[in-house]
Amino acid sequence: MKYISTRQNSISLGFEDILLQGLAPDGGLYIPEFLPKFSPSQMRDMAKLSYADLVYKIIHPFVGGEIPDADLKNI
């Protein structure tokens, strides 16, 4: 997933870059270019997950594979 500045004067960056940068160079906050959507059936399936598995399922799209899955699950 890519992130853009709320002031829209920066290039889009990946999760690792925005995490390390903090604020965008233009002073804006980084936000995702889009929000992931879950279908009703996906949400029903999520209701059966443990809290840790649910958090992983929701956070995973925002990280965009920049943290290995095993590490992200441990976090």
PDB file of N, CA and C in Angstrom:
ATOM      1  N   MET A   1       0.852  -1.168   0.000  1.00  0.00           N
ATOM      2  CA  MET A   1       0.000   0.000   0.000  1.00  0.00           C
ATOM      3  C   MET A   1       0.899   1.231   0.000  1.00  0.00           C
ATOM      4  N   LYS A   2       0.447   2.245  -0.676  1.00  0.00           N
ATOM      5  CA  LYS A   2       1.172   3.515  -0.742  1.00  0.00           C
ATOM      6  C   LYS A   2       0.446   4.561   0.099  1.00  0.00           C
ATOM      7  N   TYR A   3       1.206   5.511   0.585  1.00  0.00           N
ATOM      8  CA  TYR A   3       0.680   6.589   1.418  1.00  0.00           C
ATOM      9  C   TYR A   3       1.015   7.934   0.789  1.00  0.00           C
ATOM     10  N   ILE A   4       0.100   8.892   0.970  1.00  0.00           N
ATOM     11  CA  ILE A   4       0.289  10.239   0.451  1.00  0.00           C
ATOM     12  C   ILE A   4       0.129  11.235   1.593  1.00  0.00           C
ATOM     13  N   SER A   5       0.599  12.449   1.373  1.00  0.00           N
ATOM     14  CA  SER A   5       0.479  13.499   2.374  1.00  0.00           C
ATOM     15  C   SER A   5      -0.918  14.117   2.341  1.00  0.00           C
ATOM     16  N   THR A   6      -1.395  14.536   3.506  1.00  0.00           N
ATOM     17  CA  THR A   6      -2.686  15.227   3.554  1.00  0.00           C
ATOM     18  C   THR A   6      -2.616  16.556   2.808  1.00  0.00           C
ATOM     19  N   ARG A   7      -1.427  17.072   2.625  1.00  0.00           N
ATOM     20  CA  ARG A   7      -1.264  18.321   1.862  1.00  0.00           C
ATOM     21  C   ARG A   7      -1.027  18.047   0.385  1.00  0.00           C
ATOM     22  N   GLN A   8      -0.895  16.792   0.038  1.00  0.00           N
ATOM     23  CA  GLN A   8      -0.802  16.315  -1.342  1.00  0.00           C
ATOM     24  C   GLN A   8       0.326  16.947  -2.141  1.00  0.00           C
ATOM     25  N   ASN A   9       1.411  17.283  -1.473  1.00  0.00           N
ATOM     26  CA  ASN A   9       2.572  17.842  -2.171  1.00  0.00           C
ATOM     27  C   ASN A   9       3.770  16.906  -2.145  1.00  0.00           C
ATOM     28  N   SER A  10       3.546  15.636  -1.814  1.00  0.00           N
ATOM     29  CA  SER A  10       4.632  14.663  -1.731  1.00  0.00           C
ATOM     30  C   SER A  10       4.335  13.474  -2.628  1.00  0.00           C
ATOM     31  N   ILE A  11       5.388  12.758  -2.973  1.00  0.00           N
ATOM     32  CA  ILE A  11       5.210  11.527  -3.733  1.00  0.00           C
ATOM     33  C   ILE A  11       4.628  10.458  -2.819  1.00  0.00           C
ATOM     34  N   SER A  12       4.031   9.426  -3.387  1.00  0.00           N
ATOM     35  CA  SER A  12       3.498   8.346  -2.567  1.00  0.00           C
ATOM     36  C   SER A  12       4.650   7.438  -2.143  1.00  0.00           C
ATOM     37  N   LEU A  13       4.576   6.980  -0.901  1.00  0.00           N
ATOM     38  CA  LEU A  13       5.636   6.156  -0.328  1.00  0.00           C
ATOM     39  C   LEU A  13       5.041   4.911   0.305  1.00  0.00           C
ATOM     40  N   GLY A  14       5.888   3.898   0.499  1.00  0.00           N
ATOM     41  CA  GLY A  14       5.482   2.670   1.156  1.00  0.00           C
ATOM     42  C   GLY A  14       5.479   2.813   2.670  1.00  0.00           C
ATOM     43  N   PHE A  15       4.997   1.785   3.329  1.00  0.00           N
ATOM     44  CA  PHE A  15       4.836   1.787   4.778  1.00  0.00           C
ATOM     45  C   PHE A  15       6.141   2.068   5.518  1.00  0.00           C
ATOM     46  N   GLU A  16       7.204   1.375   5.144  1.00  0.00           N
ATOM     47  CA  GLU A  16       8.479   1.539   5.847  1.00  0.00           C
ATOM     48  C   GLU A  16       8.978   2.980   5.757  1.00  0.00           C
ATOM     49  N   ASP A  17       8.867   3.571   4.582  1.00  0.00           N
ATOM     50  CA  ASP A  17       9.330   4.957   4.402  1.00  0.00           C
ATOM     51  C   ASP A  17       8.544   5.934   5.260  1.00  0.00           C
ATOM     52  N   ILE A  18       7.231   5.794   5.285  1.00  0.00           N
ATOM     53  CA  ILE A  18       6.437   6.756   6.056  1.00  0.00           C
ATOM     54  C   ILE A  18       6.601   6.531   7.552  1.00  0.00           C
ATOM     55  N   LEU A  19       6.816   5.285   7.944  1.00  0.00           N
ATOM     56  CA  LEU A  19       7.025   4.980   9.357  1.00  0.00           C
ATOM     57  C   LEU A  19       8.309   5.648   9.855  1.00  0.00           C
ATOM     58  N   LEU A  20       9.353   5.576   9.052  1.00  0.00           N
ATOM     59  CA  LEU A  20      10.633   6.155   9.447  1.00  0.00           C
ATOM     60  C   LEU A  20      10.651   7.672   9.313  1.00  0.00           C
ATOM     61  N   GLN A  21       9.887   8.216   8.369  1.00  0.00           N
ATOM     62  CA  GLN A  21       9.875   9.664   8.140  1.00  0.00           C
ATOM     63  C   GLN A  21       9.031  10.413   9.149  1.00  0.00           C
ATOM     64  N   GLY A  22       7.922   9.844   9.548  1.00  0.00           N
ATOM     65  CA  GLY A  22       6.991  10.575  10.423  1.00  0.00           C
ATOM     66  C   GLY A  22       6.149  11.517   9.587  1.00  0.00           C
ATOM     67  N   LEU A  23       6.382  12.804   9.722  1.00  0.00           N
ATOM     68  CA  LEU A  23       5.644  13.787   8.919  1.00  0.00           C
ATOM     69  C   LEU A  23       6.174  13.819   7.492  1.00  0.00           C
ATOM     70  N   ALA A  24       5.302  14.165   6.562  1.00  0.00           N
ATOM     71  CA  ALA A  24       5.713  14.336   5.173  1.00  0.00           C
ATOM     72  C   ALA A  24       6.578  15.597   5.057  1.00  0.00           C
ATOM     73  N   PRO A  25       7.439  15.669   4.052  1.00  0.00           N
ATOM     74  CA  PRO A  25       8.293  16.848   3.885  1.00  0.00           C
ATOM     75  C   PRO A  25       7.497  18.157   3.764  1.00  0.00           C
ATOM     76  N   ASP A  26       6.254  18.070   3.282  1.00  0.00           N
ATOM     77  CA  ASP A  26       5.439  19.285   3.141  1.00  0.00           C
ATOM     78  C   ASP A  26       4.708  19.640   4.434  1.00  0.00           C
ATOM     79  N   GLY A  27       4.990  18.877   5.516  1.00  0.00           N
ATOM     80  CA  GLY A  27       4.366  19.144   6.808  1.00  0.00           C
ATOM     81  C   GLY A  27       3.041  18.427   7.022  1.00  0.00           C
ATOM     82  N   GLY A  28       2.584  17.711   6.028  1.00  0.00           N
ATOM     83  CA  GLY A  28       1.318  16.993   6.151  1.00  0.00           C
ATOM     84  C   GLY A  28       1.492  15.648   6.834  1.00  0.00           C
ATOM     85  N   LEU A  29       0.367  15.032   7.137  1.00  0.00           N
ATOM     86  CA  LEU A  29       0.362  13.690   7.695  1.00  0.00           C
ATOM     87  C   LEU A  29       0.191  12.688   6.562  1.00  0.00           C
ATOM     88  N   TYR A  30       0.797  11.527   6.706  1.00  0.00           N
ATOM     89  CA  TYR A  30       0.628  10.487   5.703  1.00  0.00           C
ATOM     90  C   TYR A  30      -0.665   9.724   5.946  1.00  0.00           C
ATOM     91  N   ILE A  31      -1.398   9.505   4.872  1.00  0.00           N
ATOM     92  CA  ILE A  31      -2.622   8.712   4.902  1.00  0.00           C
ATOM     93  C   ILE A  31      -2.567   7.722   3.736  1.00  0.00           C
ATOM     94  N   PRO A  32      -3.275   6.587   3.847  1.00  0.00           N
ATOM     95  CA  PRO A  32      -3.283   5.632   2.732  1.00  0.00           C
ATOM     96  C   PRO A  32      -3.929   6.240   1.488  1.00  0.00           C
ATOM     97  N   GLU A  33      -3.433   5.847   0.320  1.00  0.00           N
ATOM     98  CA  GLU A  33      -4.049   6.311  -0.929  1.00  0.00           C
ATOM     99  C   GLU A  33      -5.488   5.825  -1.038  1.00  0.00           C
ATOM    100  N   PHE A  34      -5.780   4.671  -0.455  1.00  0.00           N
ATOM    101  CA  PHE A  34      -7.145   4.134  -0.441  1.00  0.00           C
ATOM    102  C   PHE A  34      -7.291   3.293   0.822  1.00  0.00           C
ATOM    103  N   LEU A  35      -8.507   3.064   1.221  1.00  0.00           N
ATOM    104  CA  LEU A  35      -8.771   2.194   2.371  1.00  0.00           C
ATOM    105  C   LEU A  35      -9.222   0.833   1.864  1.00  0.00           C
ATOM    106  N   PRO A  36      -8.658  -0.226   2.416  1.00  0.00           N
ATOM    107  CA  PRO A  36      -9.090  -1.553   1.989  1.00  0.00           C
ATOM    108  C   PRO A  36     -10.552  -1.774   2.351  1.00  0.00           C
ATOM    109  N   LYS A  37     -11.233  -2.527   1.521  1.00  0.00           N
ATOM    110  CA  LYS A  37     -12.639  -2.849   1.774  1.00  0.00           C
ATOM    111  C   LYS A  37     -12.773  -4.348   1.988  1.00  0.00           C
ATOM    112  N   PHE A  38     -13.640  -4.701   2.909  1.00  0.00           N
ATOM    113  CA  PHE A  38     -13.913  -6.101   3.187  1.00  0.00           C
ATOM    114  C   PHE A  38     -15.364  -6.385   2.831  1.00  0.00           C
ATOM    115  N   SER A  39     -15.572  -7.492   2.155  1.00  0.00           N
ATOM    116  CA  SER A  39     -16.924  -7.877   1.763  1.00  0.00           C
ATOM    117  C   SER A  39     -17.701  -8.349   2.998  1.00  0.00           C
ATOM    118  N   PRO A  40     -19.028  -8.389   2.900  1.00  0.00           N
ATOM    119  CA  PRO A  40     -19.812  -8.910   4.025  1.00  0.00           C
ATOM    120  C   PRO A  40     -19.395 -10.328   4.427  1.00  0.00           C
ATOM    121  N   SER A  41     -19.088 -11.176   3.463  1.00  0.00           N
ATOM    122  CA  SER A  41     -18.679 -12.553   3.806  1.00  0.00           C
ATOM    123  C   SER A  41     -17.314 -12.549   4.505  1.00  0.00           C
ATOM    124  N   GLN A  42     -16.400 -11.686   4.083  1.00  0.00           N
ATOM    125  CA  GLN A  42     -15.104 -11.579   4.764  1.00  0.00           C
ATOM    126  C   GLN A  42     -15.295 -11.100   6.202  1.00  0.00           C
ATOM    127  N   MET A  43     -16.210 -10.163   6.388  1.00  0.00           N
ATOM    128  CA  MET A  43     -16.457  -9.650   7.734  1.00  0.00           C
ATOM    129  C   MET A  43     -17.087 -10.725   8.625  1.00  0.00           C
ATOM    130  N   ARG A  44     -17.969 -11.534   8.062  1.00  0.00           N
ATOM    131  CA  ARG A  44     -18.547 -12.641   8.836  1.00  0.00           C
ATOM    132  C   ARG A  44     -17.453 -13.620   9.250  1.00  0.00           C
ATOM    133  N   ASP A  45     -16.545 -13.904   8.320  1.00  0.00           N
ATOM    134  CA  ASP A  45     -15.430 -14.802   8.639  1.00  0.00           C
ATOM    135  C   ASP A  45     -14.535 -14.197   9.717  1.00  0.00           C
ATOM    136  N   MET A  46     -14.349 -12.885   9.669  1.00  0.00           N
ATOM    137  CA  MET A  46     -13.507 -12.223  10.665  1.00  0.00           C
ATOM    138  C   MET A  46     -14.113 -12.297  12.065  1.00  0.00           C
ATOM    139  N   ALA A  47     -15.417 -12.366  12.159  1.00  0.00           N
ATOM    140  CA  ALA A  47     -16.079 -12.435  13.459  1.00  0.00           C
ATOM    141  C   ALA A  47     -15.697 -13.708  14.218  1.00  0.00           C
ATOM    142  N   LYS A  48     -15.220 -14.704  13.495  1.00  0.00           N
ATOM    143  CA  LYS A  48     -14.841 -15.980  14.108  1.00  0.00           C
ATOM    144  C   LYS A  48     -13.379 -16.007  14.558  1.00  0.00           C
ATOM    145  N   LEU A  49     -12.609 -14.989  14.195  1.00  0.00           N
ATOM    146  CA  LEU A  49     -11.179 -14.972  14.498  1.00  0.00           C
ATOM    147  C   LEU A  49     -10.904 -14.556  15.936  1.00  0.00           C
ATOM    148  N   SER A  50      -9.754 -14.972  16.433  1.00  0.00           N
ATOM    149  CA  SER A  50      -9.291 -14.469  17.727  1.00  0.00           C
ATOM    150  C   SER A  50      -8.921 -12.995  17.551  1.00  0.00           C
ATOM    151  N   TYR A  51      -8.785 -12.283  18.658  1.00  0.00           N
ATOM    152  CA  TYR A  51      -8.437 -10.861  18.582  1.00  0.00           C
ATOM    153  C   TYR A  51      -7.122 -10.670  17.823  1.00  0.00           C
ATOM    154  N   ALA A  52      -6.098 -11.447  18.155  1.00  0.00           N
ATOM    155  CA  ALA A  52      -4.790 -11.302  17.505  1.00  0.00           C
ATOM    156  C   ALA A  52      -4.889 -11.562  16.003  1.00  0.00           C
ATOM    157  N   ASP A  53      -5.636 -12.582  15.607  1.00  0.00           N
ATOM    158  CA  ASP A  53      -5.784 -12.888  14.183  1.00  0.00           C
ATOM    159  C   ASP A  53      -6.598 -11.815  13.462  1.00  0.00           C
ATOM    160  N   LEU A  54      -7.581 -11.261  14.142  1.00  0.00           N
ATOM    161  CA  LEU A  54      -8.387 -10.188  13.562  1.00  0.00           C
ATOM    162  C   LEU A  54      -7.539  -8.949  13.315  1.00  0.00           C
ATOM    163  N   VAL A  55      -6.734  -8.577  14.299  1.00  0.00           N
ATOM    164  CA  VAL A  55      -5.859  -7.406  14.145  1.00  0.00           C
ATOM    165  C   VAL A  55      -4.906  -7.622  12.980  1.00  0.00           C
ATOM    166  N   TYR A  56      -4.318  -8.805  12.892  1.00  0.00           N
ATOM    167  CA  TYR A  56      -3.419  -9.108  11.779  1.00  0.00           C
ATOM    168  C   TYR A  56      -4.132  -8.953  10.435  1.00  0.00           C
ATOM    169  N   LYS A  57      -5.328  -9.494  10.340  1.00  0.00           N
ATOM    170  CA  LYS A  57      -6.103  -9.454   9.090  1.00  0.00           C
ATOM    171  C   LYS A  57      -6.394  -8.015   8.662  1.00  0.00           C
ATOM    172  N   ILE A  58      -6.675  -7.148   9.638  1.00  0.00           N
ATOM    173  CA  ILE A  58      -6.998  -5.757   9.330  1.00  0.00           C
ATOM    174  C   ILE A  58      -5.743  -4.942   9.010  1.00  0.00           C
ATOM    175  N   ILE A  59      -4.673  -5.153   9.743  1.00  0.00           N
ATOM    176  CA  ILE A  59      -3.441  -4.370   9.579  1.00  0.00           C
ATOM    177  C   ILE A  59      -2.644  -4.788   8.346  1.00  0.00           C
ATOM    178  N   HIS A  60      -2.708  -6.041   7.995  1.00  0.00           N
ATOM    179  CA  HIS A  60      -1.884  -6.578   6.902  1.00  0.00           C
ATOM    180  C   HIS A  60      -1.924  -5.732   5.617  1.00  0.00           C
ATOM    181  N   PRO A  61      -3.081  -5.320   5.116  1.00  0.00           N
ATOM    182  CA  PRO A  61      -3.082  -4.526   3.880  1.00  0.00           C
ATOM    183  C   PRO A  61      -2.350  -3.187   4.020  1.00  0.00           C
ATOM    184  N   PHE A  62      -2.354  -2.604   5.209  1.00  0.00           N
ATOM    185  CA  PHE A  62      -1.707  -1.310   5.414  1.00  0.00           C
ATOM    186  C   PHE A  62      -0.184  -1.416   5.388  1.00  0.00           C
ATOM    187  N   VAL A  63       0.334  -2.576   5.750  1.00  0.00           N
ATOM    188  CA  VAL A  63       1.777  -2.784   5.803  1.00  0.00           C
ATOM    189  C   VAL A  63       2.323  -3.135   4.426  1.00  0.00           C
ATOM    190  N   GLY A  64       1.496  -3.713   3.587  1.00  0.00           N
ATOM    191  CA  GLY A  64       1.878  -3.991   2.205  1.00  0.00           C
ATOM    192  C   GLY A  64       3.050  -4.937   2.044  1.00  0.00           C
ATOM    193  N   GLY A  65       3.195  -5.895   2.957  1.00  0.00           N
ATOM    194  CA  GLY A  65       4.264  -6.878   2.835  1.00  0.00           C
ATOM    195  C   GLY A  65       5.635  -6.371   3.241  1.00  0.00           C
ATOM    196  N   GLU A  66       5.718  -5.161   3.783  1.00  0.00           N
ATOM    197  CA  GLU A  66       7.013  -4.598   4.141  1.00  0.00           C
ATOM    198  C   GLU A  66       7.531  -5.106   5.488  1.00  0.00           C
ATOM    199  N   ILE A  67       6.682  -5.750   6.247  1.00  0.00           N
ATOM    200  CA  ILE A  67       7.081  -6.466   7.453  1.00  0.00           C
ATOM    201  C   ILE A  67       6.727  -7.923   7.184  1.00  0.00           C
ATOM    202  N   PRO A  68       7.681  -8.833   7.331  1.00  0.00           N
ATOM    203  CA  PRO A  68       7.370 -10.252   7.074  1.00  0.00           C
ATOM    204  C   PRO A  68       6.155 -10.697   7.903  1.00  0.00           C
ATOM    205  N   ASP A  69       5.322 -11.536   7.315  1.00  0.00           N
ATOM    206  CA  ASP A  69       4.092 -11.980   7.961  1.00  0.00           C
ATOM    207  C   ASP A  69       4.319 -12.530   9.367  1.00  0.00           C
ATOM    208  N   ALA A  70       5.340 -13.364   9.532  1.00  0.00           N
ATOM    209  CA  ALA A  70       5.598 -13.954  10.855  1.00  0.00           C
ATOM    210  C   ALA A  70       5.912 -12.874  11.877  1.00  0.00           C
ATOM    211  N   ASP A  71       6.682 -11.862  11.478  1.00  0.00           N
ATOM    212  CA  ASP A  71       7.011 -10.766  12.390  1.00  0.00           C
ATOM    213  C   ASP A  71       5.787  -9.917  12.701  1.00  0.00           C
ATOM    214  N   LEU A  72       4.979  -9.652  11.682  1.00  0.00           N
ATOM    215  CA  LEU A  72       3.779  -8.858  11.888  1.00  0.00           C
ATOM    216  C   LEU A  72       2.815  -9.567  12.844  1.00  0.00           C
ATOM    217  N   LYS A  73       2.695 -10.876  12.706  1.00  0.00           N
ATOM    218  CA  LYS A  73       1.834 -11.641  13.618  1.00  0.00           C
ATOM    219  C   LYS A  73       2.364 -11.564  15.059  1.00  0.00           C
ATOM    220  N   ASN A  74       3.682 -11.585  15.221  1.00  0.00           N
ATOM    221  CA  ASN A  74       4.257 -11.480  16.569  1.00  0.00           C
ATOM    222  C   ASN A  74       4.069 -10.098  17.171  1.00  0.00           C
ATOM    223  N   ILE A  75       4.087  -9.094  16.355  1.00  0.00           N
ATOM    224  CA  ILE A  75       3.885  -7.721  16.844  1.00  0.00           C
ATOM    225  C   ILE A  75       2.491  -7.577  17.371  1.00  0.00           C
TER     226      ILE A  75
END
